Amino acid sequence: MIKGNRRTPEKFVGKEAIITSQCLNGWYLLKIIGSGEDVRLQYRSLRKILSSEAIEDRCASHPIQNNS
């Protein structure tokens, strides 16, 4: 997930991406999911998400009931 920083173009903020390559000094090459666009960003502008987190972010949150 691209969280962005001051230098991140606004069109990439909030998008999901796959890291395709790790470069020097904390830079990563990414492929944007959906558009297929390639972009190079610093690690500080990225947030790692697990597959379950991605599903939760896309769906409306529902409270979990504990039946104990």
N, C-alpha and C. Protein backbone atom coordinates (compact mmCIF):
# COMPACT_ATOMS: atom_id res chain seq x y z
N MET A 1 0.86 -1.16 0.00
CA MET A 1 0.00 0.00 0.00
C MET A 1 0.91 1.22 0.00
N ILE A 2 0.61 2.15 -0.84
CA ILE A 2 1.41 3.38 -0.91
C ILE A 2 0.76 4.41 0.00
N LYS A 3 1.46 4.77 1.08
CA LYS A 3 0.93 5.78 2.00
C LYS A 3 1.39 7.17 1.61
N GLY A 4 2.52 7.26 0.93
CA GLY A 4 3.00 8.53 0.40
C GLY A 4 3.81 9.34 1.39
N ASN A 5 4.52 10.30 0.85
CA ASN A 5 5.24 11.31 1.62
C ASN A 5 5.18 12.61 0.81
N ARG A 6 5.96 13.59 1.18
CA ARG A 6 5.87 14.89 0.49
C ARG A 6 6.16 14.81 -1.01
N ARG A 7 7.02 13.88 -1.40
CA ARG A 7 7.42 13.80 -2.81
C ARG A 7 6.61 12.80 -3.62
N THR A 8 5.71 12.06 -2.99
CA THR A 8 4.93 11.05 -3.70
C THR A 8 3.82 11.72 -4.50
N PRO A 9 3.75 11.47 -5.80
CA PRO A 9 2.64 12.02 -6.58
C PRO A 9 1.30 11.56 -6.01
N GLU A 10 0.36 12.47 -5.91
CA GLU A 10 -0.94 12.21 -5.29
C GLU A 10 -1.69 11.06 -5.95
N LYS A 11 -1.47 10.85 -7.24
CA LYS A 11 -2.19 9.79 -7.95
C LYS A 11 -1.80 8.39 -7.48
N PHE A 12 -0.66 8.25 -6.78
CA PHE A 12 -0.23 6.94 -6.28
C PHE A 12 -0.64 6.68 -4.84
N VAL A 13 -0.96 7.71 -4.08
CA VAL A 13 -1.29 7.56 -2.67
C VAL A 13 -2.57 6.75 -2.51
N GLY A 14 -2.50 5.72 -1.65
CA GLY A 14 -3.66 4.87 -1.40
C GLY A 14 -3.77 3.68 -2.33
N LYS A 15 -2.91 3.61 -3.33
CA LYS A 15 -2.94 2.49 -4.28
C LYS A 15 -2.18 1.30 -3.72
N GLU A 16 -2.57 0.11 -4.18
CA GLU A 16 -1.85 -1.10 -3.84
C GLU A 16 -0.85 -1.39 -4.94
N ALA A 17 0.32 -1.89 -4.53
CA ALA A 17 1.39 -2.16 -5.49
C ALA A 17 2.17 -3.39 -5.06
N ILE A 18 2.87 -3.97 -6.01
CA ILE A 18 3.73 -5.11 -5.75
C ILE A 18 5.17 -4.66 -5.97
N ILE A 19 6.04 -4.99 -5.01
CA ILE A 19 7.46 -4.66 -5.15
C ILE A 19 8.07 -5.61 -6.18
N THR A 20 8.64 -5.04 -7.24
CA THR A 20 9.26 -5.87 -8.27
C THR A 20 10.77 -5.93 -8.11
N SER A 21 11.35 -4.90 -7.46
CA SER A 21 12.80 -4.88 -7.29
C SER A 21 13.17 -3.93 -6.16
N GLN A 22 14.21 -4.31 -5.41
CA GLN A 22 14.74 -3.44 -4.36
C GLN A 22 16.01 -2.79 -4.89
N CYS A 23 16.08 -1.47 -4.78
CA CYS A 23 17.23 -0.72 -5.27
C CYS A 23 18.05 -0.21 -4.08
N LEU A 24 19.05 0.59 -4.37
CA LEU A 24 19.92 1.14 -3.34
C LEU A 24 19.24 2.25 -2.54
N ASN A 25 19.73 2.46 -1.32
CA ASN A 25 19.33 3.57 -0.46
C ASN A 25 17.83 3.62 -0.18
N GLY A 26 17.19 2.47 -0.05
CA GLY A 26 15.79 2.43 0.34
C GLY A 26 14.78 2.69 -0.76
N TRP A 27 15.19 2.61 -2.00
CA TRP A 27 14.28 2.80 -3.12
C TRP A 27 13.76 1.44 -3.61
N TYR A 28 12.51 1.42 -4.04
CA TYR A 28 11.89 0.20 -4.55
C TYR A 28 11.22 0.48 -5.88
N LEU A 29 11.29 -0.50 -6.79
CA LEU A 29 10.51 -0.45 -8.02
C LEU A 29 9.22 -1.19 -7.75
N LEU A 30 8.10 -0.57 -8.08
CA LEU A 30 6.78 -1.12 -7.81
C LEU A 30 5.96 -1.22 -9.08
N LYS A 31 5.03 -2.15 -9.09
CA LYS A 31 4.03 -2.22 -10.16
C LYS A 31 2.68 -1.97 -9.50
N ILE A 32 1.99 -0.93 -9.94
CA ILE A 32 0.70 -0.56 -9.38
C ILE A 32 -0.33 -1.61 -9.81
N ILE A 33 -1.06 -2.15 -8.83
CA ILE A 33 -2.10 -3.13 -9.13
C ILE A 33 -3.27 -2.38 -9.76
N GLY A 34 -3.78 -2.88 -10.84
CA GLY A 34 -4.90 -2.25 -11.52
C GLY A 34 -4.45 -1.58 -12.80
N SER A 35 -3.56 -0.60 -12.68
CA SER A 35 -3.11 0.13 -13.87
C SER A 35 -1.89 -0.52 -14.51
N GLY A 36 -1.12 -1.30 -13.73
CA GLY A 36 0.09 -1.92 -14.26
C GLY A 36 1.24 -0.96 -14.44
N GLU A 37 1.08 0.25 -13.94
CA GLU A 37 2.10 1.29 -14.08
C GLU A 37 3.31 0.97 -13.19
N ASP A 38 4.52 1.22 -13.68
CA ASP A 38 5.74 1.03 -12.92
C ASP A 38 6.15 2.36 -12.29
N VAL A 39 6.56 2.30 -11.02
CA VAL A 39 6.94 3.52 -10.31
C VAL A 39 8.09 3.19 -9.35
N ARG A 40 8.92 4.17 -9.06
CA ARG A 40 10.03 4.01 -8.12
C ARG A 40 9.77 4.92 -6.92
N LEU A 41 9.68 4.32 -5.72
CA LEU A 41 9.40 5.08 -4.51
C LEU A 41 10.32 4.65 -3.38
N GLN A 42 10.46 5.52 -2.37
CA GLN A 42 11.26 5.20 -1.19
C GLN A 42 10.45 4.38 -0.20
N TYR A 43 11.18 3.61 0.62
CA TYR A 43 10.51 2.72 1.57
C TYR A 43 9.63 3.49 2.56
N ARG A 44 9.97 4.74 2.87
CA ARG A 44 9.18 5.52 3.83
C ARG A 44 7.78 5.82 3.32
N SER A 45 7.58 5.74 2.02
CA SER A 45 6.27 6.05 1.46
C SER A 45 5.41 4.79 1.28
N LEU A 46 5.92 3.64 1.77
CA LEU A 46 5.20 2.38 1.59
C LEU A 46 4.73 1.83 2.93
N ARG A 47 3.65 1.05 2.86
CA ARG A 47 3.16 0.35 4.04
C ARG A 47 2.86 -1.08 3.64
N LYS A 48 3.42 -2.02 4.37
CA LYS A 48 3.21 -3.43 4.07
C LYS A 48 1.85 -3.86 4.61
N ILE A 49 1.08 -4.55 3.78
CA ILE A 49 -0.19 -5.08 4.24
C ILE A 49 -0.23 -6.57 3.96
N LEU A 50 -0.94 -7.28 4.81
CA LEU A 50 -1.15 -8.70 4.60
C LEU A 50 -2.41 -8.87 3.76
N SER A 51 -2.59 -10.01 3.15
CA SER A 51 -3.75 -10.23 2.28
C SER A 51 -5.05 -10.04 3.04
N SER A 52 -5.11 -10.44 4.31
CA SER A 52 -6.33 -10.27 5.10
C SER A 52 -6.61 -8.79 5.37
N GLU A 53 -5.55 -7.98 5.54
CA GLU A 53 -5.73 -6.55 5.74
C GLU A 53 -6.29 -5.90 4.49
N ALA A 54 -5.83 -6.32 3.33
CA ALA A 54 -6.31 -5.76 2.07
C ALA A 54 -7.80 -6.02 1.91
N ILE A 55 -8.24 -7.21 2.27
CA ILE A 55 -9.65 -7.55 2.17
C ILE A 55 -10.46 -6.70 3.14
N GLU A 56 -9.97 -6.53 4.36
CA GLU A 56 -10.68 -5.73 5.35
C GLU A 56 -10.77 -4.27 4.93
N ASP A 57 -9.72 -3.74 4.32
CA ASP A 57 -9.73 -2.35 3.88
C ASP A 57 -10.75 -2.12 2.77
N ARG A 58 -11.01 -3.11 1.95
CA ARG A 58 -11.94 -2.97 0.84
C ARG A 58 -13.39 -3.15 1.28
N CYS A 59 -13.61 -3.88 2.35
CA CYS A 59 -14.96 -4.17 2.83
C CYS A 59 -15.31 -3.23 3.98
N ALA A 60 -16.62 -3.07 4.20
CA ALA A 60 -17.06 -2.29 5.35
C ALA A 60 -16.73 -3.08 6.61
N SER A 61 -16.31 -2.37 7.64
CA SER A 61 -15.94 -3.07 8.87
C SER A 61 -17.20 -3.48 9.63
N HIS A 62 -17.18 -4.68 10.16
CA HIS A 62 -18.27 -5.22 10.95
C HIS A 62 -17.73 -5.63 12.30
N PRO A 63 -18.43 -5.28 13.39
CA PRO A 63 -17.94 -5.70 14.70
C PRO A 63 -17.98 -7.21 14.84
N ILE A 64 -17.00 -7.75 15.53
CA ILE A 64 -16.94 -9.19 15.76
C ILE A 64 -17.64 -9.49 17.07
N GLN A 65 -18.58 -10.43 17.04
CA GLN A 65 -19.31 -10.79 18.24
C GLN A 65 -18.64 -11.97 18.90
N ASN A 66 -18.50 -11.88 20.21
CA ASN A 66 -17.89 -12.96 20.98
C ASN A 66 -19.01 -13.71 21.68
N ASN A 67 -19.20 -14.99 21.36
CA ASN A 67 -20.29 -15.78 21.92
C ASN A 67 -19.81 -16.65 23.07
N SER A 68 -19.10 -16.08 24.03
CA SER A 68 -18.62 -16.89 25.15
C SER A 68 -19.37 -16.59 26.42
